[in-house]
């Protein structure tokens, strides 16, 4: 089934060739020209990837990105903008974008980044009606015992994670990073392996997107009171560490 892309661009001269190029690759493309319209479209669901301009006439693209993630959008977000400064790139990644492409850009590079994001960033399947989640350790071993406070549990098949009884609202990449480091049971996962497996071995973008994703993941674990945290092993990679409850 073709992927659904949402192009958020107010400049017709930029939007028209982009739509033509993407449709030639057999993507379904919808275009809106304001941030408000983009957020309304995302609320209705079914979008796999957003191509987001920052210089919109009503709401700044960074704010659109922040609100989209805040409302639970888990698909990919690729920022397309004339703002090529380092600060803008970092801010864009911090508010939830997956990649950043500065204008002007070759269409071949755009298509390569779209393919890479779609391989890794399509939202997880919709969950069934709420039920009591099956307990699982950070290594995803099933358990029938009630979860202890802050216990991290991961269900890779359902792509869901909990801290105690509270489900974590993770984006696709946040979940993939967490599941990968948890699968190693406290061993170090190299930065290169995370980029290769969670993004793509042919990733074109900056690795700052990994740092931004980790920052959001750590904050969500901390906010949920999780007894596990992703620590950085300087110069090597990352490790999932779990605290024990006080006696």
Protein backbone atom coordinates (compact mmCIF):
# COMPACT_ATOMS: atom_id res chain seq x y z
CA UNK A 1 0.00 0.00 0.00
CA UNK A 2 1.49 3.41 -0.94
CA UNK A 3 2.78 5.59 1.86
CA UNK A 4 0.82 8.74 2.67
CA UNK A 5 2.95 11.90 2.77
CA UNK A 6 1.86 15.32 3.96
CA UNK A 7 3.67 18.28 2.40
CA UNK A 8 3.39 21.47 4.44
CA UNK A 9 4.62 24.24 2.14
CA UNK A 10 3.13 27.64 1.32
CA UNK A 11 5.26 28.39 -1.75
CA UNK A 12 3.62 27.03 -4.92
CA UNK A 13 6.88 27.19 -6.87
CA UNK A 14 8.49 24.83 -4.36
CA UNK A 15 5.48 22.62 -3.66
CA UNK A 16 4.57 21.82 -7.28
CA UNK A 17 7.86 20.15 -8.32
CA UNK A 18 8.08 18.35 -4.98
CA UNK A 19 4.61 16.86 -5.41
CA UNK A 20 5.41 15.83 -8.98
CA UNK A 21 8.66 14.16 -7.89
CA UNK A 22 7.11 12.32 -4.96
CA UNK A 23 4.11 11.14 -6.96
CA UNK A 24 6.46 9.73 -9.61
CA UNK A 25 7.80 7.50 -6.82
CA UNK A 26 4.21 6.34 -6.25
CA UNK A 27 3.76 8.10 -2.91
CA UNK A 28 0.36 9.52 -2.04
CA UNK A 29 0.90 13.22 -1.43
CA UNK A 30 -1.39 15.75 0.22
CA UNK A 31 -0.38 19.38 0.42
CA UNK A 32 -1.44 22.07 2.87
CA UNK A 33 -0.05 25.59 3.08
CA UNK A 34 -0.50 26.51 6.75
CA UNK A 35 0.54 25.04 10.07
CA UNK A 36 -3.04 25.02 11.32
CA UNK A 37 -4.19 22.95 8.35
CA UNK A 38 -1.29 20.55 8.88
CA UNK A 39 -2.19 19.93 12.51
CA UNK A 40 -5.86 19.42 11.60
CA UNK A 41 -4.87 16.88 8.92
CA UNK A 42 -2.61 14.98 11.30
CA UNK A 43 -5.45 14.72 13.81
CA UNK A 44 -7.43 12.66 11.29
CA UNK A 45 -4.61 10.09 11.05
CA UNK A 46 -3.19 8.03 8.22
CA UNK A 47 -0.08 10.13 7.55
CA UNK A 48 3.23 8.26 7.44
CA UNK A 49 5.63 11.15 6.88
CA UNK A 50 5.46 14.96 7.07
CA UNK A 51 7.61 17.19 4.88
CA UNK A 52 7.50 20.40 6.89
CA UNK A 53 8.54 23.90 5.89
CA UNK A 54 9.47 26.20 8.79
CA UNK A 55 8.48 29.55 7.25
CA UNK A 56 4.71 29.13 7.29
CA UNK A 57 2.33 32.12 7.21
CA UNK A 58 0.49 31.35 10.44
CA UNK A 59 2.32 28.99 12.82
CA UNK A 60 6.09 28.54 12.76
CA UNK A 61 7.08 25.08 11.54
CA UNK A 62 8.98 24.35 14.76
CA UNK A 63 5.79 24.93 16.72
CA UNK A 64 3.88 22.68 14.31
CA UNK A 65 6.45 19.95 14.92
CA UNK A 66 6.22 20.39 18.70
CA UNK A 67 2.42 20.26 18.68
CA UNK A 68 2.34 17.25 16.35
CA UNK A 69 4.58 15.25 18.66
CA UNK A 70 2.67 16.47 21.70
CA UNK A 71 -0.60 15.22 20.22
CA UNK A 72 0.88 11.77 19.61
CA UNK A 73 1.96 11.80 15.95
CA UNK A 74 4.53 9.02 15.60
CA UNK A 75 5.35 9.13 11.89
CA UNK A 76 8.44 10.72 10.41
CA UNK A 77 8.97 14.47 10.28
CA UNK A 78 11.44 15.86 7.74
CA UNK A 79 12.00 19.60 8.00
CA UNK A 80 12.56 21.43 4.70
CA UNK A 81 13.72 24.99 5.17
CA UNK A 82 15.95 27.81 4.06
CA UNK A 83 17.13 28.14 7.67
CA UNK A 84 20.40 26.25 7.45
CA UNK A 85 22.02 27.38 10.70
CA UNK A 86 23.25 24.92 13.31
CA UNK A 87 20.96 26.36 15.98
CA UNK A 88 17.85 25.89 13.83
CA UNK A 89 18.83 22.29 13.08
CA UNK A 90 19.35 21.46 16.73
CA UNK A 91 16.09 23.15 17.78
CA UNK A 92 14.21 21.28 15.06
CA UNK A 93 15.56 17.94 16.27
CA UNK A 94 14.88 18.85 19.88
CA UNK A 95 11.17 19.45 19.21
CA UNK A 96 10.74 16.08 17.53
CA UNK A 97 11.89 16.24 13.91
CA UNK A 98 13.67 13.17 12.54
CA UNK A 99 15.79 14.93 9.94
CA UNK A 100 16.54 18.38 8.54
CA UNK A 101 17.19 19.31 4.91
CA UNK A 102 18.25 22.84 4.03
CA UNK A 103 17.02 24.48 0.83
CA UNK A 104 18.07 24.31 -1.93
CA UNK A 105 18.55 20.53 -2.00
CA UNK A 106 18.91 17.90 -4.75
CA UNK A 107 15.68 16.00 -5.32
CA UNK A 108 17.63 12.73 -5.30
CA UNK A 109 18.81 13.45 -1.75
CA UNK A 110 15.27 14.31 -0.68
CA UNK A 111 13.99 10.98 -2.03
CA UNK A 112 16.79 9.08 -0.30
CA UNK A 113 15.94 10.67 3.03
CA UNK A 114 12.24 10.03 2.54
CA UNK A 115 12.94 6.34 1.87
CA UNK A 116 15.18 6.08 4.93
CA UNK A 117 12.62 7.74 7.21
CA UNK A 118 9.75 5.62 5.94
CA UNK A 119 11.73 2.45 6.62
CA UNK A 120 12.15 3.41 10.24
CA UNK A 121 9.60 6.06 11.15
CA UNK A 122 6.20 4.74 10.16
CA UNK A 123 4.01 4.91 13.28
CA UNK A 124 3.41 1.79 15.28
CA UNK A 125 0.11 -0.05 14.76
CA UNK A 126 -2.93 1.20 16.60
CA UNK A 127 -3.40 -0.59 19.89
CA UNK A 128 -6.41 -2.70 20.62
CA UNK A 129 -8.94 -1.72 23.25
CA UNK A 130 -7.18 -0.97 26.57
CA UNK A 131 -6.45 -4.05 28.63
CA UNK A 132 -4.18 -4.81 31.54
CA UNK A 133 -0.74 -5.04 29.88
CA UNK A 134 1.23 -8.22 30.20
CA UNK A 135 4.27 -7.60 32.34
CA UNK A 136 7.68 -7.77 30.74
CA UNK A 137 11.18 -6.92 31.91
CA UNK A 138 13.43 -4.51 30.02
CA UNK A 139 14.61 -7.59 28.15
CA UNK A 140 10.99 -8.31 27.16
CA UNK A 141 10.68 -11.56 29.16
CA UNK A 142 6.95 -12.13 29.88
CA UNK A 143 5.79 -12.25 33.46
CA UNK A 144 2.44 -12.70 35.15
CA UNK A 145 3.39 -10.83 38.34
CA UNK A 146 2.04 -7.30 38.86
CA UNK A 147 4.53 -4.60 37.85
CA UNK A 148 6.49 -2.93 40.61
CA UNK A 149 6.69 0.84 40.83
CA UNK A 150 8.79 2.26 38.01
CA UNK A 151 9.58 -1.16 36.52
CA UNK A 152 10.40 -0.82 32.83
CA UNK A 153 8.53 -3.30 30.62
CA UNK A 154 8.71 -3.55 26.84
CA UNK A 155 6.52 -5.42 24.39
CA UNK A 156 8.37 -5.44 21.03
CA UNK A 157 5.50 -7.05 19.11
CA UNK A 158 2.95 -4.45 20.21
CA UNK A 159 5.63 -1.72 20.24
CA UNK A 160 4.56 -0.55 23.68
CA UNK A 161 6.51 0.22 26.85
CA UNK A 162 5.53 0.91 30.46
CA UNK A 163 7.12 2.30 33.60
CA UNK A 164 5.18 0.48 36.29
CA UNK A 165 1.55 0.68 35.21
CA UNK A 166 2.02 3.90 33.19
CA UNK A 167 2.44 3.48 29.44
CA UNK A 168 5.16 5.61 27.86
CA UNK A 169 4.10 7.79 24.92
CA UNK A 170 7.09 7.12 22.65
CA UNK A 171 7.68 8.00 19.03
CA UNK A 172 8.73 5.20 16.68
CA UNK A 173 12.41 6.04 16.95
CA UNK A 174 12.32 6.55 20.72
CA UNK A 175 10.81 3.08 21.06
CA UNK A 176 13.38 1.55 18.69
CA UNK A 177 16.30 3.07 20.63
CA UNK A 178 14.86 1.90 23.96
CA UNK A 179 14.14 -1.63 22.69
CA UNK A 180 17.62 -1.94 21.20
CA UNK A 181 19.54 -0.93 24.32
CA UNK A 182 17.18 -3.01 26.51
CA UNK A 183 17.81 -6.09 24.37
CA UNK A 184 21.47 -6.04 25.37
CA UNK A 185 20.72 -6.51 29.11
CA UNK A 186 23.08 -3.82 30.39
CA UNK A 187 25.78 -4.22 27.76
CA UNK A 188 27.00 -1.24 25.79
CA UNK A 189 25.42 -0.63 22.39
CA UNK A 190 27.69 1.42 20.17
CA UNK A 191 26.55 4.70 18.71
CA UNK A 192 27.23 3.33 15.22
CA UNK A 193 24.99 0.32 15.82
CA UNK A 194 22.13 2.51 17.03
CA UNK A 195 22.40 4.68 13.92
CA UNK A 196 22.58 1.64 11.61
CA UNK A 197 19.67 -0.26 13.17
CA UNK A 198 17.31 2.52 14.25
CA UNK A 199 17.92 4.92 11.38
CA UNK A 200 19.63 3.33 8.39
CA UNK A 201 23.11 2.22 7.43
CA UNK A 202 22.88 4.66 4.51
CA UNK A 203 21.64 7.55 6.70
CA UNK A 204 22.36 10.94 5.16
CA UNK A 205 21.53 13.17 8.11
CA UNK A 206 23.45 14.41 11.11
CA UNK A 207 23.87 12.10 14.11
CA UNK A 208 22.51 14.98 16.20
CA UNK A 209 19.12 13.44 15.54
CA UNK A 210 20.21 10.52 17.76
CA UNK A 211 21.18 12.91 20.55
CA UNK A 212 17.83 14.68 20.30
CA UNK A 213 15.93 11.38 20.33
CA UNK A 214 17.88 10.18 23.37
CA UNK A 215 17.23 13.44 25.17
CA UNK A 216 13.46 13.09 24.68
CA UNK A 217 13.55 9.40 25.65
CA UNK A 218 15.49 10.10 28.84
CA UNK A 219 13.06 12.86 29.79
CA UNK A 220 10.05 10.59 29.27
CA UNK A 221 11.61 7.81 31.36
CA UNK A 222 12.40 10.31 34.10
CA UNK A 223 8.93 11.91 34.00
CA UNK A 224 7.31 8.47 34.29
CA UNK A 225 9.44 7.54 37.31
CA UNK A 226 11.12 4.65 35.49
CA UNK A 227 13.79 2.81 37.45
CA UNK A 228 15.79 2.36 34.25
CA UNK A 229 17.80 4.97 32.42
CA UNK A 230 19.86 5.16 29.25
CA UNK A 231 23.39 6.20 30.17
CA UNK A 232 26.15 7.35 27.84
CA UNK A 233 29.46 5.50 27.84
CA UNK A 234 31.73 8.23 26.58
CA UNK A 235 33.38 7.48 23.28
CA UNK A 236 31.59 4.12 22.92
CA UNK A 237 27.80 4.19 23.05
CA UNK A 238 24.87 3.63 25.40
CA UNK A 239 23.75 1.23 28.10
CA UNK A 240 20.41 0.67 29.85
CA UNK A 241 20.88 0.69 33.62
CA UNK A 242 18.22 -0.27 36.15
CA UNK A 243 17.98 0.83 39.76
CA UNK A 244 16.87 -1.58 42.46
CA UNK A 245 14.12 -0.70 44.91
CA UNK A 246 15.23 0.29 48.36
CA UNK A 247 14.79 -2.48 50.91
